[in-house]
């Protein structure tokens, strides 16, 4: 397996992934790609932006990490690259060396776990999930593909986070509660009941922003 890696999307998350990879010798960043031509020829974390995603054809052996900040963006990139012939075995999983993944836990391909993340037991993290620093995932939590958990998120036991959901910084979810696919939980919110798919809730306790506006 190749030890070289290319990051796809050259924004803030990419800088954080570079920092995580630089603390380990397992994978070596050879560059980044981004479809914004303004970024081409620049550097991110000391590594060159090689061009758009078409530049991946010149690095067919490199592993890849999706670094779009929102789950919908990562999903769109993954689907487009799959149509372009990128196979599922090219996705690298990035786990900061400070993170311990117990034997009872599973982390899917392409996911990113940054510094200080805690997984206790029987946690399942899907594919292309981004878990930012100091997140706590407790027993029997399940985080589906493309979800984003921002810094300081806390999940009680048995929480289910749907595909491409977004949990804002320092938000908390009560045990046994479900966050629906594509839903957004605001920064600092405390979720005590199921959050329906596609909705945005905020506050303490969290409730629908639409209801709050009414």
N, C-alpha and C. Protein backbone atom coordinates (compact mmCIF):
# COMPACT_ATOMS: atom_id res chain seq x y z
N UNK A 1 0.85 -1.20 0.00
CA UNK A 1 0.00 0.00 0.00
C UNK A 1 0.88 1.25 0.00
N UNK A 2 0.49 2.25 -0.76
CA UNK A 2 1.25 3.48 -0.84
C UNK A 2 1.25 4.20 0.49
N UNK A 3 2.38 4.89 0.80
CA UNK A 3 2.43 5.71 2.01
C UNK A 3 2.29 7.18 1.68
N UNK A 4 2.00 7.51 0.42
CA UNK A 4 1.80 8.90 0.03
C UNK A 4 0.30 9.22 0.03
N UNK A 5 -0.03 10.46 0.36
CA UNK A 5 -1.43 10.85 0.45
C UNK A 5 -1.62 12.23 -0.15
N UNK A 6 -2.75 12.43 -0.82
CA UNK A 6 -3.15 13.72 -1.37
C UNK A 6 -4.46 14.12 -0.71
N UNK A 7 -4.54 15.37 -0.28
CA UNK A 7 -5.76 15.89 0.34
C UNK A 7 -6.61 16.57 -0.72
N UNK A 8 -7.89 16.28 -0.70
CA UNK A 8 -8.83 16.81 -1.70
C UNK A 8 -9.65 17.92 -1.04
N UNK A 9 -9.44 19.16 -1.49
CA UNK A 9 -10.02 20.40 -0.97
C UNK A 9 -9.01 21.04 -0.02
N UNK A 10 -8.63 22.27 -0.32
CA UNK A 10 -7.48 22.90 0.33
C UNK A 10 -7.89 24.02 1.28
N UNK A 11 -8.90 23.75 2.12
CA UNK A 11 -9.34 24.75 3.08
C UNK A 11 -8.78 24.52 4.47
N UNK A 12 -9.52 25.01 5.48
CA UNK A 12 -9.05 24.92 6.85
C UNK A 12 -8.90 23.50 7.36
N UNK A 13 -9.85 22.63 7.01
CA UNK A 13 -9.75 21.25 7.45
C UNK A 13 -8.49 20.60 6.93
N UNK A 14 -8.11 20.92 5.69
CA UNK A 14 -6.88 20.34 5.13
C UNK A 14 -5.67 20.71 5.97
N UNK A 15 -5.61 21.95 6.45
CA UNK A 15 -4.47 22.34 7.30
C UNK A 15 -4.43 21.52 8.58
N UNK A 16 -5.60 21.24 9.14
CA UNK A 16 -5.65 20.44 10.36
C UNK A 16 -5.24 18.98 10.09
N UNK A 17 -5.65 18.46 8.94
CA UNK A 17 -5.26 17.09 8.58
C UNK A 17 -3.76 17.01 8.35
N UNK A 18 -3.19 18.03 7.68
CA UNK A 18 -1.73 18.06 7.50
C UNK A 18 -1.04 18.01 8.85
N UNK A 19 -1.51 18.80 9.81
CA UNK A 19 -0.88 18.83 11.13
C UNK A 19 -0.96 17.46 11.80
N UNK A 20 -2.09 16.78 11.66
CA UNK A 20 -2.24 15.45 12.25
C UNK A 20 -1.29 14.45 11.60
N UNK A 21 -1.18 14.52 10.28
CA UNK A 21 -0.32 13.58 9.56
C UNK A 21 1.15 13.83 9.85
N UNK A 22 1.52 15.07 10.11
CA UNK A 22 2.93 15.37 10.37
C UNK A 22 3.42 14.84 11.71
N UNK A 23 2.49 14.46 12.58
CA UNK A 23 2.90 13.87 13.86
C UNK A 23 3.09 12.36 13.75
N UNK A 24 2.82 11.81 12.58
CA UNK A 24 3.00 10.38 12.36
C UNK A 24 3.80 10.16 11.10
N UNK A 25 4.57 9.08 11.06
CA UNK A 25 5.38 8.80 9.87
C UNK A 25 4.70 7.82 8.92
N UNK A 26 3.49 7.41 9.22
CA UNK A 26 2.83 6.39 8.41
C UNK A 26 2.46 6.90 7.01
N UNK A 27 1.98 8.13 6.92
CA UNK A 27 1.55 8.70 5.65
C UNK A 27 2.29 10.00 5.40
N UNK A 28 2.66 10.23 4.15
CA UNK A 28 3.38 11.44 3.77
C UNK A 28 2.56 12.24 2.78
N UNK A 29 2.29 13.49 3.12
CA UNK A 29 1.51 14.35 2.23
C UNK A 29 2.38 14.78 1.06
N UNK A 30 1.92 14.50 -0.16
CA UNK A 30 2.66 14.94 -1.34
C UNK A 30 2.04 16.18 -1.96
N UNK A 31 0.82 16.54 -1.54
CA UNK A 31 0.18 17.73 -2.07
C UNK A 31 -1.31 17.70 -1.85
N UNK A 32 -1.96 18.69 -2.41
CA UNK A 32 -3.40 18.84 -2.31
C UNK A 32 -3.96 19.14 -3.70
N UNK A 33 -5.26 18.89 -3.88
CA UNK A 33 -5.95 19.33 -5.08
C UNK A 33 -7.20 20.11 -4.68
N UNK A 34 -7.59 21.05 -5.51
CA UNK A 34 -8.75 21.88 -5.22
C UNK A 34 -9.27 22.42 -6.55
N UNK A 35 -10.59 22.45 -6.70
CA UNK A 35 -11.16 22.91 -7.97
C UNK A 35 -11.21 24.42 -8.11
N UNK A 36 -10.80 25.15 -7.07
CA UNK A 36 -10.72 26.60 -7.16
C UNK A 36 -9.37 26.99 -7.78
N UNK A 37 -9.37 27.53 -9.01
CA UNK A 37 -8.09 27.83 -9.66
C UNK A 37 -7.25 28.86 -8.93
N UNK A 38 -7.86 29.68 -8.08
CA UNK A 38 -7.11 30.66 -7.30
C UNK A 38 -6.12 29.98 -6.37
N UNK A 39 -6.43 28.78 -5.93
CA UNK A 39 -5.56 28.06 -5.00
C UNK A 39 -4.41 27.35 -5.70
N UNK A 40 -4.52 27.14 -6.99
CA UNK A 40 -3.50 26.37 -7.70
C UNK A 40 -2.15 27.09 -7.63
N UNK A 41 -1.11 26.33 -7.34
CA UNK A 41 0.23 26.90 -7.22
C UNK A 41 0.54 27.49 -5.86
N UNK A 42 -0.45 27.52 -4.95
CA UNK A 42 -0.20 27.99 -3.59
C UNK A 42 0.24 26.80 -2.74
N UNK A 43 0.49 27.05 -1.48
CA UNK A 43 0.84 25.97 -0.56
C UNK A 43 -0.12 25.99 0.63
N UNK A 44 -0.33 24.82 1.21
CA UNK A 44 -1.14 24.65 2.42
C UNK A 44 -0.31 23.81 3.39
N UNK A 45 0.02 24.39 4.53
CA UNK A 45 0.84 23.66 5.49
C UNK A 45 2.18 23.25 4.92
N UNK A 46 2.70 24.03 3.98
CA UNK A 46 3.98 23.73 3.36
C UNK A 46 3.92 22.75 2.21
N UNK A 47 2.71 22.36 1.78
CA UNK A 47 2.55 21.40 0.69
C UNK A 47 1.84 22.04 -0.49
N UNK A 48 2.22 21.71 -1.71
CA UNK A 48 1.69 22.41 -2.88
C UNK A 48 0.27 21.98 -3.24
N UNK A 49 -0.49 22.96 -3.73
CA UNK A 49 -1.78 22.65 -4.36
C UNK A 49 -1.48 22.34 -5.82
N UNK A 50 -1.68 21.09 -6.19
CA UNK A 50 -1.20 20.57 -7.47
C UNK A 50 -2.09 20.95 -8.65
N UNK A 51 -3.27 21.41 -8.37
CA UNK A 51 -4.24 21.73 -9.42
C UNK A 51 -5.61 21.26 -9.01
N UNK A 52 -6.51 21.10 -9.99
CA UNK A 52 -7.84 20.58 -9.72
C UNK A 52 -7.80 19.07 -9.56
N UNK A 53 -8.99 18.47 -9.39
CA UNK A 53 -9.04 17.02 -9.16
C UNK A 53 -8.50 16.22 -10.34
N UNK A 54 -8.41 16.84 -11.52
CA UNK A 54 -7.83 16.13 -12.66
C UNK A 54 -6.36 15.80 -12.43
N UNK A 55 -5.70 16.53 -11.53
CA UNK A 55 -4.30 16.26 -11.22
C UNK A 55 -4.11 14.92 -10.54
N UNK A 56 -5.19 14.34 -10.01
CA UNK A 56 -5.09 13.04 -9.38
C UNK A 56 -4.67 11.95 -10.36
N UNK A 57 -4.93 12.16 -11.66
CA UNK A 57 -4.55 11.16 -12.66
C UNK A 57 -3.03 11.00 -12.74
N UNK A 58 -2.29 12.04 -12.32
CA UNK A 58 -0.83 11.97 -12.32
C UNK A 58 -0.27 11.32 -11.06
N UNK A 59 -1.16 10.97 -10.13
CA UNK A 59 -0.73 10.38 -8.85
C UNK A 59 -1.65 9.21 -8.53
N UNK A 60 -1.72 8.28 -9.44
CA UNK A 60 -2.70 7.19 -9.33
C UNK A 60 -2.44 6.24 -8.18
N UNK A 61 -1.23 6.27 -7.62
CA UNK A 61 -0.90 5.37 -6.51
C UNK A 61 -1.15 6.01 -5.14
N UNK A 62 -1.35 7.32 -5.11
CA UNK A 62 -1.49 8.01 -3.82
C UNK A 62 -2.85 7.72 -3.18
N UNK A 63 -2.84 7.62 -1.86
CA UNK A 63 -4.08 7.56 -1.11
C UNK A 63 -4.69 8.96 -1.05
N UNK A 64 -5.99 9.03 -0.71
CA UNK A 64 -6.71 10.30 -0.74
C UNK A 64 -7.48 10.51 0.55
N UNK A 65 -7.64 11.79 0.93
CA UNK A 65 -8.48 12.17 2.06
C UNK A 65 -9.33 13.35 1.63
N UNK A 66 -10.64 13.24 1.81
CA UNK A 66 -11.55 14.35 1.50
C UNK A 66 -11.52 15.36 2.63
N UNK A 67 -11.26 16.63 2.30
CA UNK A 67 -11.12 17.67 3.32
C UNK A 67 -12.11 18.81 3.15
N UNK A 68 -13.23 18.56 2.46
CA UNK A 68 -14.32 19.55 2.45
C UNK A 68 -14.93 19.60 3.84
N UNK A 69 -15.23 20.82 4.32
CA UNK A 69 -15.67 20.98 5.69
C UNK A 69 -17.04 20.43 6.00
N UNK A 70 -17.96 20.47 5.05
CA UNK A 70 -19.32 19.99 5.29
C UNK A 70 -19.51 18.63 4.63
N UNK A 71 -20.36 17.82 5.26
CA UNK A 71 -20.56 16.47 4.78
C UNK A 71 -21.13 16.39 3.38
N UNK A 72 -22.05 17.32 3.05
CA UNK A 72 -22.61 17.30 1.70
C UNK A 72 -21.52 17.50 0.65
N UNK A 73 -20.55 18.36 0.97
CA UNK A 73 -19.45 18.60 0.05
C UNK A 73 -18.57 17.38 -0.10
N UNK A 74 -18.29 16.70 1.02
CA UNK A 74 -17.48 15.48 0.93
C UNK A 74 -18.20 14.40 0.13
N UNK A 75 -19.51 14.28 0.33
CA UNK A 75 -20.27 13.27 -0.41
C UNK A 75 -20.27 13.57 -1.91
N UNK A 76 -20.46 14.84 -2.27
CA UNK A 76 -20.46 15.20 -3.69
C UNK A 76 -19.10 14.91 -4.32
N UNK A 77 -18.02 15.22 -3.60
CA UNK A 77 -16.69 14.93 -4.13
C UNK A 77 -16.47 13.43 -4.28
N UNK A 78 -16.86 12.65 -3.28
CA UNK A 78 -16.67 11.20 -3.34
C UNK A 78 -17.43 10.60 -4.52
N UNK A 79 -18.65 11.06 -4.74
CA UNK A 79 -19.44 10.53 -5.85
C UNK A 79 -18.85 10.90 -7.19
N UNK A 80 -18.36 12.14 -7.29
CA UNK A 80 -17.76 12.57 -8.56
C UNK A 80 -16.47 11.81 -8.84
N UNK A 81 -15.64 11.64 -7.81
CA UNK A 81 -14.38 10.92 -8.02
C UNK A 81 -14.63 9.44 -8.32
N UNK A 82 -15.68 8.87 -7.73
CA UNK A 82 -16.01 7.48 -8.06
C UNK A 82 -16.38 7.35 -9.53
N UNK A 83 -17.13 8.34 -10.04
CA UNK A 83 -17.47 8.31 -11.47
C UNK A 83 -16.23 8.46 -12.34
N UNK A 84 -15.21 9.14 -11.79
CA UNK A 84 -13.95 9.33 -12.53
C UNK A 84 -12.99 8.15 -12.38
N UNK A 85 -13.43 7.12 -11.66
CA UNK A 85 -12.62 5.91 -11.56
C UNK A 85 -11.83 5.75 -10.29
N UNK A 86 -12.02 6.63 -9.31
CA UNK A 86 -11.31 6.46 -8.04
C UNK A 86 -11.96 5.32 -7.27
N UNK A 87 -11.17 4.31 -6.94
CA UNK A 87 -11.71 3.13 -6.27
C UNK A 87 -11.80 3.33 -4.76
N UNK A 88 -12.63 2.52 -4.12
CA UNK A 88 -12.89 2.68 -2.69
C UNK A 88 -11.64 2.41 -1.84
N UNK A 89 -10.69 1.64 -2.37
CA UNK A 89 -9.50 1.32 -1.57
C UNK A 89 -8.46 2.43 -1.56
N UNK A 90 -8.76 3.55 -2.21
CA UNK A 90 -7.80 4.66 -2.21
C UNK A 90 -8.02 5.65 -1.08
N UNK A 91 -9.07 5.45 -0.29
CA UNK A 91 -9.34 6.41 0.78
C UNK A 91 -8.54 6.07 2.02
N UNK A 92 -7.78 7.05 2.50
CA UNK A 92 -7.00 6.88 3.72
C UNK A 92 -7.81 7.32 4.93
N UNK A 93 -7.63 6.63 6.03
CA UNK A 93 -8.24 7.02 7.31
C UNK A 93 -7.17 7.70 8.15
N UNK A 94 -7.50 8.88 8.67
CA UNK A 94 -6.53 9.67 9.45
C UNK A 94 -6.97 9.68 10.91
N UNK A 95 -6.16 9.10 11.77
CA UNK A 95 -6.42 9.09 13.21
C UNK A 95 -5.21 9.71 13.90
N UNK A 96 -5.43 10.85 14.53
CA UNK A 96 -4.33 11.52 15.24
C UNK A 96 -3.71 10.55 16.25
N UNK A 97 -2.38 10.57 16.41
CA UNK A 97 -1.73 9.64 17.33
C UNK A 97 -2.21 9.74 18.77
N UNK A 98 -2.83 10.85 19.15
CA UNK A 98 -3.34 10.99 20.51
C UNK A 98 -4.62 10.21 20.74
N UNK A 99 -5.22 9.68 19.67
CA UNK A 99 -6.53 9.02 19.76
C UNK A 99 -6.33 7.51 19.85
N UNK A 100 -6.97 6.89 20.85
CA UNK A 100 -6.96 5.44 20.97
C UNK A 100 -8.29 4.89 20.47
N UNK A 101 -8.22 3.95 19.55
CA UNK A 101 -9.43 3.30 19.03
C UNK A 101 -9.50 1.90 19.63
N UNK A 102 -10.38 1.68 20.61
CA UNK A 102 -10.48 0.35 21.23
C UNK A 102 -10.87 -0.72 20.22
N UNK A 103 -10.57 -1.96 20.55
CA UNK A 103 -10.86 -3.07 19.65
C UNK A 103 -12.35 -3.20 19.34
N UNK A 104 -13.20 -2.76 20.26
CA UNK A 104 -14.65 -2.87 20.04
C UNK A 104 -15.21 -1.79 19.13
N UNK A 105 -14.38 -0.82 18.75
CA UNK A 105 -14.84 0.31 17.94
C UNK A 105 -14.38 0.16 16.49
N UNK A 106 -15.13 0.75 15.57
CA UNK A 106 -14.79 0.70 14.15
C UNK A 106 -14.81 2.10 13.56
N UNK A 107 -13.82 2.39 12.73
CA UNK A 107 -13.73 3.68 12.04
C UNK A 107 -13.65 3.41 10.55
N UNK A 108 -14.57 3.98 9.77
CA UNK A 108 -14.66 3.71 8.35
C UNK A 108 -13.58 4.40 7.53
N UNK A 109 -13.41 3.93 6.31
CA UNK A 109 -12.39 4.47 5.41
C UNK A 109 -12.68 5.93 5.09
N UNK A 110 -11.59 6.71 4.98
CA UNK A 110 -11.72 8.11 4.61
C UNK A 110 -12.07 9.04 5.76
N UNK A 111 -12.28 8.49 6.96
CA UNK A 111 -12.67 9.35 8.08
C UNK A 111 -11.45 10.00 8.72
N UNK A 112 -11.70 11.10 9.44
CA UNK A 112 -10.65 11.89 10.09
C UNK A 112 -11.01 12.07 11.55
N UNK A 113 -10.13 11.63 12.46
CA UNK A 113 -10.29 11.83 13.89
C UNK A 113 -9.11 12.65 14.37
N UNK A 114 -9.38 13.88 14.80
CA UNK A 114 -8.31 14.79 15.20
C UNK A 114 -7.99 14.67 16.69
N UNK A 115 -7.06 15.49 17.15
CA UNK A 115 -6.45 15.32 18.47
C UNK A 115 -7.48 15.33 19.60
N UNK A 116 -7.29 14.42 20.54
CA UNK A 116 -8.08 14.41 21.75
C UNK A 116 -9.44 13.77 21.63
N UNK A 117 -9.77 13.19 20.50
CA UNK A 117 -11.05 12.48 20.36
C UNK A 117 -11.03 11.25 21.25
N UNK A 118 -12.17 10.98 21.92
CA UNK A 118 -12.29 9.83 22.80
C UNK A 118 -13.40 8.92 22.28
N UNK A 119 -13.09 7.64 22.09
CA UNK A 119 -14.06 6.60 21.80
C UNK A 119 -14.01 5.62 22.97
N UNK A 120 -15.15 5.35 23.61
CA UNK A 120 -15.12 4.49 24.78
C UNK A 120 -15.26 3.03 24.38
N UNK A 121 -16.45 2.57 23.99
CA UNK A 121 -16.62 1.17 23.61
C UNK A 121 -17.77 1.02 22.62
N UNK A 122 -17.59 0.09 21.69
CA UNK A 122 -18.64 -0.27 20.72
C UNK A 122 -19.16 0.95 19.95
N UNK A 123 -18.26 1.83 19.60
CA UNK A 123 -18.58 3.00 18.78
C UNK A 123 -18.34 2.66 17.31
N UNK A 124 -19.27 3.07 16.45
CA UNK A 124 -19.12 2.86 15.02
C UNK A 124 -19.09 4.22 14.32
N UNK A 125 -18.01 4.49 13.62
CA UNK A 125 -17.85 5.72 12.83
C UNK A 125 -17.83 5.31 11.37
N UNK A 126 -18.69 5.90 10.56
CA UNK A 126 -18.81 5.52 9.16
C UNK A 126 -17.69 6.05 8.29
N UNK A 127 -17.96 6.12 6.99
CA UNK A 127 -16.96 6.55 6.01
C UNK A 127 -17.00 8.08 5.85
N UNK A 128 -15.83 8.66 5.64
CA UNK A 128 -15.69 10.09 5.36
C UNK A 128 -16.36 10.97 6.42
N UNK A 129 -16.28 10.51 7.66
CA UNK A 129 -16.75 11.30 8.81
C UNK A 129 -15.59 12.17 9.28
N UNK A 130 -15.90 13.39 9.70
CA UNK A 130 -14.88 14.27 10.29
C UNK A 130 -15.23 14.50 11.75
N UNK A 131 -14.30 14.14 12.64
CA UNK A 131 -14.47 14.32 14.08
C UNK A 131 -13.36 15.26 14.55
N UNK A 132 -13.76 16.47 14.93
CA UNK A 132 -12.81 17.51 15.28
C UNK A 132 -12.27 17.31 16.70
N UNK A 133 -11.29 18.12 17.14
CA UNK A 133 -10.64 17.88 18.43
C UNK A 133 -11.59 17.85 19.62
N UNK A 134 -11.21 16.99 20.59
CA UNK A 134 -11.85 16.91 21.91
C UNK A 134 -13.32 16.47 21.86
N UNK A 135 -13.69 15.71 20.87
CA UNK A 135 -15.03 15.12 20.80
C UNK A 135 -15.05 13.84 21.63
N UNK A 136 -16.17 13.60 22.33
CA UNK A 136 -16.33 12.37 23.11
C UNK A 136 -17.49 11.54 22.56
N UNK A 137 -17.17 10.32 22.16
CA UNK A 137 -18.16 9.35 21.67
C UNK A 137 -18.22 8.22 22.68
N UNK A 138 -19.39 8.01 23.30
CA UNK A 138 -19.49 7.01 24.35
C UNK A 138 -20.15 5.73 23.83
N UNK A 139 -20.36 4.79 24.70
CA UNK A 139 -20.73 3.43 24.30
C UNK A 139 -21.92 3.37 23.34
N UNK A 140 -21.75 2.56 22.32
CA UNK A 140 -22.82 2.23 21.36
C UNK A 140 -23.26 3.39 20.49
N UNK A 141 -22.47 4.45 20.42
CA UNK A 141 -22.77 5.53 19.48
C UNK A 141 -22.52 5.05 18.05
N UNK A 142 -23.32 5.57 17.12
CA UNK A 142 -23.12 5.29 15.70
C UNK A 142 -23.18 6.59 14.92
N UNK A 143 -22.11 6.87 14.19
CA UNK A 143 -22.01 8.10 13.39
C UNK A 143 -21.95 7.68 11.93
N UNK A 144 -22.96 8.04 11.15
CA UNK A 144 -23.05 7.56 9.78
C UNK A 144 -22.16 8.37 8.83
N UNK A 145 -22.03 7.86 7.61
CA UNK A 145 -21.14 8.43 6.60
C UNK A 145 -21.35 9.94 6.43
N UNK A 146 -20.23 10.64 6.25
CA UNK A 146 -20.19 12.06 5.90
C UNK A 146 -20.65 13.01 7.00
N UNK A 147 -20.91 12.50 8.19
CA UNK A 147 -21.28 13.40 9.29
C UNK A 147 -20.07 14.23 9.72
N UNK A 148 -20.35 15.38 10.35
CA UNK A 148 -19.31 16.27 10.86
C UNK A 148 -19.60 16.58 12.32
N UNK A 149 -18.64 16.27 13.19
CA UNK A 149 -18.75 16.58 14.61
C UNK A 149 -17.67 17.61 14.95
N UNK A 150 -18.10 18.82 15.25
CA UNK A 150 -17.15 19.90 15.50
C UNK A 150 -16.51 19.77 16.88
N UNK A 151 -15.53 20.62 17.14
CA UNK A 151 -14.73 20.51 18.36
C UNK A 151 -15.60 20.54 19.60
N UNK A 152 -15.31 19.63 20.53
CA UNK A 152 -15.96 19.62 21.82
C UNK A 152 -17.33 19.00 21.87
N UNK A 153 -17.79 18.38 20.81
CA UNK A 153 -19.10 17.71 20.82
C UNK A 153 -19.07 16.56 21.82
N UNK A 154 -20.19 16.35 22.52
CA UNK A 154 -20.33 15.25 23.48
C UNK A 154 -21.58 14.46 23.15
N UNK A 155 -21.42 13.14 22.94
CA UNK A 155 -22.55 12.26 22.68
C UNK A 155 -22.72 11.30 23.84
N UNK A 156 -23.95 11.22 24.38
CA UNK A 156 -24.25 10.20 25.36
C UNK A 156 -24.30 8.83 24.72
N UNK A 157 -24.48 7.80 25.52
CA UNK A 157 -24.49 6.45 25.00
C UNK A 157 -25.66 6.17 24.06
N UNK A 158 -25.41 5.35 23.06
CA UNK A 158 -26.47 4.91 22.15
C UNK A 158 -27.03 5.99 21.25
N UNK A 159 -26.28 7.06 21.01
CA UNK A 159 -26.72 8.12 20.09
C UNK A 159 -26.46 7.68 18.65
N UNK A 160 -27.38 8.04 17.77
CA UNK A 160 -27.21 7.78 16.33
C UNK A 160 -27.18 9.12 15.60
N UNK A 161 -26.13 9.34 14.84
CA UNK A 161 -25.98 10.57 14.05
C UNK A 161 -26.10 10.20 12.58
N UNK A 162 -27.07 10.77 11.89
CA UNK A 162 -27.36 10.39 10.51
C UNK A 162 -26.36 10.91 9.51
N UNK A 163 -26.44 10.37 8.31
CA UNK A 163 -25.54 10.72 7.23
C UNK A 163 -25.53 12.22 6.95
N UNK A 164 -24.33 12.78 6.86
CA UNK A 164 -24.10 14.19 6.51
C UNK A 164 -24.70 15.16 7.52
N UNK A 165 -25.04 14.68 8.72
CA UNK A 165 -25.47 15.61 9.77
C UNK A 165 -24.28 16.45 10.23
N UNK A 166 -24.58 17.60 10.84
CA UNK A 166 -23.55 18.54 11.28
C UNK A 166 -23.85 18.95 12.72
N UNK A 167 -22.92 18.64 13.63
CA UNK A 167 -23.08 18.99 15.03
C UNK A 167 -22.08 20.09 15.37
N UNK A 168 -22.61 21.25 15.77
CA UNK A 168 -21.78 22.42 15.99
C UNK A 168 -20.91 22.31 17.23
N UNK A 169 -19.95 23.19 17.31
CA UNK A 169 -18.95 23.19 18.38
C UNK A 169 -19.59 23.17 19.76
N UNK A 170 -19.11 22.25 20.61
CA UNK A 170 -19.51 22.14 22.02
C UNK A 170 -20.98 21.79 22.21
N UNK A 171 -21.63 21.25 21.20
CA UNK A 171 -23.00 20.77 21.38
C UNK A 171 -22.99 19.41 22.07
N UNK A 172 -24.12 19.07 22.70
CA UNK A 172 -24.24 17.82 23.44
C UNK A 172 -25.54 17.13 23.06
N UNK A 173 -25.50 15.79 23.07
CA UNK A 173 -26.67 15.00 22.71
C UNK A 173 -26.93 13.98 23.81
N UNK A 174 -28.15 13.97 24.30
CA UNK A 174 -28.54 13.04 25.36
C UNK A 174 -28.50 11.60 24.87
N UNK A 175 -28.26 10.66 25.80
CA UNK A 175 -28.18 9.26 25.45
C UNK A 175 -29.46 8.78 24.75
N UNK A 176 -29.27 7.92 23.76
CA UNK A 176 -30.39 7.30 23.07
C UNK A 176 -31.09 8.18 22.05
N UNK A 177 -30.62 9.39 21.83
CA UNK A 177 -31.27 10.33 20.92
C UNK A 177 -30.70 10.18 19.51
N UNK A 178 -31.54 10.46 18.52
CA UNK A 178 -31.11 10.35 17.12
C UNK A 178 -31.08 11.73 16.46
N UNK A 179 -29.99 11.99 15.73
CA UNK A 179 -29.86 13.18 14.90
C UNK A 179 -30.06 12.73 13.46
N UNK A 180 -31.09 13.24 12.79
CA UNK A 180 -31.45 12.76 11.46
C UNK A 180 -30.44 13.14 10.39
N UNK A 181 -30.52 12.43 9.29
CA UNK A 181 -29.63 12.68 8.15
C UNK A 181 -29.74 14.12 7.69
N UNK A 182 -28.60 14.76 7.46
CA UNK A 182 -28.57 16.11 6.93
C UNK A 182 -29.02 17.18 7.91
N UNK A 183 -29.25 16.81 9.17
CA UNK A 183 -29.68 17.79 10.17
C UNK A 183 -28.49 18.59 10.68
N UNK A 184 -28.79 19.76 11.28
CA UNK A 184 -27.77 20.62 11.86
C UNK A 184 -28.14 20.93 13.30
N UNK A 185 -27.19 20.71 14.21
CA UNK A 185 -27.35 21.08 15.61
C UNK A 185 -26.40 22.23 15.90
N UNK A 186 -26.94 23.33 16.41
CA UNK A 186 -26.17 24.55 16.56
C UNK A 186 -25.09 24.48 17.63
N UNK A 187 -24.17 25.42 17.57
CA UNK A 187 -23.06 25.51 18.50
C UNK A 187 -23.57 25.66 19.93
N UNK A 188 -23.07 24.82 20.83
CA UNK A 188 -23.43 24.89 22.24
C UNK A 188 -24.81 24.37 22.58
N UNK A 189 -25.51 23.81 21.62
CA UNK A 189 -26.87 23.32 21.85
C UNK A 189 -26.85 22.06 22.70
N UNK A 190 -27.97 21.81 23.39
CA UNK A 190 -28.16 20.60 24.18
C UNK A 190 -29.40 19.90 23.65
N UNK A 191 -29.19 18.75 23.01
CA UNK A 191 -30.28 18.04 22.35
C UNK A 191 -30.81 16.96 23.27
N UNK A 192 -32.11 17.06 23.61
CA UNK A 192 -32.74 16.13 24.54
C UNK A 192 -33.76 15.22 23.87
N UNK A 193 -34.05 15.45 22.59
CA UNK A 193 -35.02 14.63 21.87
C UNK A 193 -34.55 14.48 20.43
N UNK A 194 -35.15 13.55 19.69
CA UNK A 194 -34.72 13.30 18.32
C UNK A 194 -34.84 14.55 17.46
N UNK A 195 -33.81 14.77 16.65
CA UNK A 195 -33.77 15.90 15.72
C UNK A 195 -34.10 15.36 14.33
N UNK A 196 -35.22 15.78 13.73
CA UNK A 196 -35.63 15.21 12.43
C UNK A 196 -34.64 15.51 11.31
N UNK A 197 -34.61 14.64 10.35
CA UNK A 197 -33.71 14.79 9.20
C UNK A 197 -33.92 16.14 8.53
N UNK A 198 -32.81 16.77 8.17
CA UNK A 198 -32.83 18.00 7.40
C UNK A 198 -33.15 19.26 8.17
N UNK A 199 -33.49 19.16 9.44
CA UNK A 199 -33.86 20.34 10.21
C UNK A 199 -32.64 20.94 10.93
N UNK A 200 -32.78 22.21 11.33
CA UNK A 200 -31.75 22.91 12.09
C UNK A 200 -32.31 23.29 13.45
N UNK A 201 -31.66 22.80 14.50
CA UNK A 201 -32.07 23.11 15.87
C UNK A 201 -30.92 23.78 16.60
N UNK A 202 -31.27 24.61 17.59
CA UNK A 202 -30.26 25.28 18.40
C UNK A 202 -30.85 25.60 19.76
N UNK A 203 -29.97 25.97 20.70
CA UNK A 203 -30.43 26.42 22.01
C UNK A 203 -30.30 25.37 23.10
N UNK A 204 -30.69 25.78 24.32
CA UNK A 204 -30.64 24.91 25.50
C UNK A 204 -31.99 24.98 26.22
N UNK A 205 -32.79 23.93 26.16
CA UNK A 205 -32.60 22.75 25.31
C UNK A 205 -32.83 23.10 23.84
N UNK A 206 -32.28 22.29 22.97
CA UNK A 206 -32.37 22.58 21.54
C UNK A 206 -33.80 22.45 21.04
N UNK A 207 -34.17 23.34 20.14
CA UNK A 207 -35.46 23.25 19.46
C UNK A 207 -35.31 23.81 18.06
N UNK A 208 -36.31 23.57 17.24
CA UNK A 208 -36.26 24.00 15.85
C UNK A 208 -36.15 25.50 15.74
N UNK A 209 -35.26 25.98 14.88
CA UNK A 209 -35.16 27.43 14.66
C UNK A 209 -36.43 27.97 14.03
N UNK A 210 -37.10 27.16 13.26
CA UNK A 210 -38.37 27.58 12.66
C UNK A 210 -39.41 27.84 13.74
N UNK A 211 -39.47 26.94 14.74
CA UNK A 211 -40.40 27.14 15.85
C UNK A 211 -40.03 28.36 16.66
N UNK A 212 -38.70 28.56 16.87
CA UNK A 212 -38.26 29.72 17.65
C UNK A 212 -38.63 31.02 16.97
N UNK A 213 -38.51 31.02 15.63
CA UNK A 213 -38.85 32.23 14.88
C UNK A 213 -40.33 32.54 14.95
N UNK A 214 -41.14 31.50 15.10
CA UNK A 214 -42.59 31.69 15.17
C UNK A 214 -43.02 32.24 16.50
